[in-house]
């Protein structure tokens, strides 16, 4: 079944985390978590915030489940799913200057 792609159907998954990095082992675990979510298509938005563009809420659920399987034993991780419209309404600043929005990946619809 094909769905029309629009800014209310397209989703963004945000992963926020604070992981312990005091010991060498903890730094390795934190680095592994970052590498694993990046391998799943997430990209860094800020130091401990990663985002992923998803074509639908169903696709977002797949990636949320995948992140849940990667959760480290210690630390705090939050997962938030928002629409493309909500993500597009975000104001981003670098200091007091408005920052350019990150480019939205091109979405192709196959027939």
Protein backbone atom coordinates (compact mmCIF):
# COMPACT_ATOMS: atom_id res chain seq x y z
CA UNK A 1 0.00 0.00 0.00
CA UNK A 2 1.43 3.40 -1.00
CA UNK A 3 0.97 6.39 1.25
CA UNK A 4 1.26 9.99 0.28
CA UNK A 5 4.39 11.41 1.81
CA UNK A 6 3.68 14.60 3.68
CA UNK A 7 5.07 16.52 6.61
CA UNK A 8 2.58 14.94 9.01
CA UNK A 9 3.30 11.34 7.94
CA UNK A 10 7.10 11.60 7.73
CA UNK A 11 8.71 11.18 11.14
CA UNK A 12 11.96 12.08 12.87
CA UNK A 13 13.31 9.90 15.67
CA UNK A 14 15.52 11.68 18.21
CA UNK A 15 17.73 9.78 20.64
CA UNK A 16 19.02 11.73 23.66
CA UNK A 17 21.55 10.18 25.99
CA UNK A 18 23.88 10.75 28.93
CA UNK A 19 26.17 7.80 29.37
CA UNK A 20 28.91 7.39 31.98
CA UNK A 21 32.40 7.95 30.53
CA UNK A 22 34.64 7.95 33.62
CA UNK A 23 36.43 4.65 33.06
CA UNK A 24 37.98 3.31 29.87
CA UNK A 25 35.34 0.55 29.77
CA UNK A 26 32.49 3.11 30.07
CA UNK A 27 33.97 5.24 27.26
CA UNK A 28 34.17 2.15 25.07
CA UNK A 29 30.52 1.26 25.80
CA UNK A 30 29.39 4.85 25.04
CA UNK A 31 31.40 4.91 21.80
CA UNK A 32 29.91 1.55 20.77
CA UNK A 33 26.36 2.86 21.37
CA UNK A 34 27.05 5.94 19.22
CA UNK A 35 28.59 3.83 16.46
CA UNK A 36 25.70 1.37 16.54
CA UNK A 37 22.97 4.01 16.24
CA UNK A 38 24.95 5.75 13.49
CA UNK A 39 25.13 2.41 11.66
CA UNK A 40 21.31 2.40 11.83
CA UNK A 41 21.17 5.73 10.00
CA UNK A 42 21.17 8.22 12.87
CA UNK A 43 23.30 11.34 12.55
CA UNK A 44 24.59 13.66 15.24
CA UNK A 45 22.43 16.72 15.88
CA UNK A 46 24.29 17.76 19.04
CA UNK A 47 26.88 15.91 21.13
CA UNK A 48 24.40 13.57 22.81
CA UNK A 49 21.42 13.99 20.48
CA UNK A 50 21.11 11.91 17.34
CA UNK A 51 18.32 12.12 14.73
CA UNK A 52 16.98 9.87 12.00
CA UNK A 53 14.56 10.67 9.20
CA UNK A 54 11.86 8.01 8.69
CA UNK A 55 9.32 7.79 5.88
CA UNK A 56 6.46 6.76 8.21
CA UNK A 57 5.53 6.07 11.81
CA UNK A 58 5.79 2.34 11.08
CA UNK A 59 9.36 2.82 9.85
CA UNK A 60 10.11 4.96 12.92
CA UNK A 61 8.86 2.13 15.18
CA UNK A 62 11.32 -0.28 13.53
CA UNK A 63 14.24 2.02 14.33
CA UNK A 64 13.01 2.76 17.85
CA UNK A 65 12.88 -0.98 18.55
CA UNK A 66 16.39 -1.32 17.14
CA UNK A 67 17.71 1.44 19.42
CA UNK A 68 16.08 -0.30 22.39
CA UNK A 69 18.09 -3.45 21.61
CA UNK A 70 21.29 -1.38 21.66
CA UNK A 71 20.71 0.30 25.04
CA UNK A 72 23.73 0.18 27.33
CA UNK A 73 23.36 -1.19 30.85
CA UNK A 74 24.10 2.17 32.54
CA UNK A 75 23.17 5.76 31.69
CA UNK A 76 20.06 7.64 30.63
CA UNK A 77 18.61 7.36 27.12
CA UNK A 78 15.48 9.08 25.82
CA UNK A 79 13.74 8.43 22.51
CA UNK A 80 11.34 10.95 20.97
CA UNK A 81 9.41 10.66 17.72
CA UNK A 82 8.06 13.84 16.05
CA UNK A 83 6.52 14.69 12.70
CA UNK A 84 8.46 16.33 9.89
CA UNK A 85 6.25 19.40 10.38
CA UNK A 86 7.25 19.67 14.06
CA UNK A 87 10.91 19.15 13.20
CA UNK A 88 10.67 21.81 10.50
CA UNK A 89 9.22 24.31 12.97
CA UNK A 90 12.28 24.02 15.22
CA UNK A 91 14.37 27.16 15.58
CA UNK A 92 18.09 26.47 15.77
CA UNK A 93 20.64 28.98 17.03
CA UNK A 94 24.39 29.12 17.19
CA UNK A 95 24.95 31.73 19.86
CA UNK A 96 22.47 34.46 18.92
CA UNK A 97 22.66 33.75 15.20
CA UNK A 98 19.98 31.65 13.55
CA UNK A 99 21.50 28.42 12.24
CA UNK A 100 20.65 27.00 8.81
CA UNK A 101 18.32 24.01 8.98
CA UNK A 102 19.85 20.64 8.29
CA UNK A 103 19.01 19.38 4.86
CA UNK A 104 16.12 16.93 4.69
CA UNK A 105 16.96 13.76 2.79
CA UNK A 106 15.23 13.39 -0.56
CA UNK A 107 12.38 10.91 -0.32
CA UNK A 108 11.56 8.92 -3.42
CA UNK A 109 8.24 7.21 -4.02
CA UNK A 110 8.40 4.03 -6.06
CA UNK A 111 5.44 2.91 -8.10
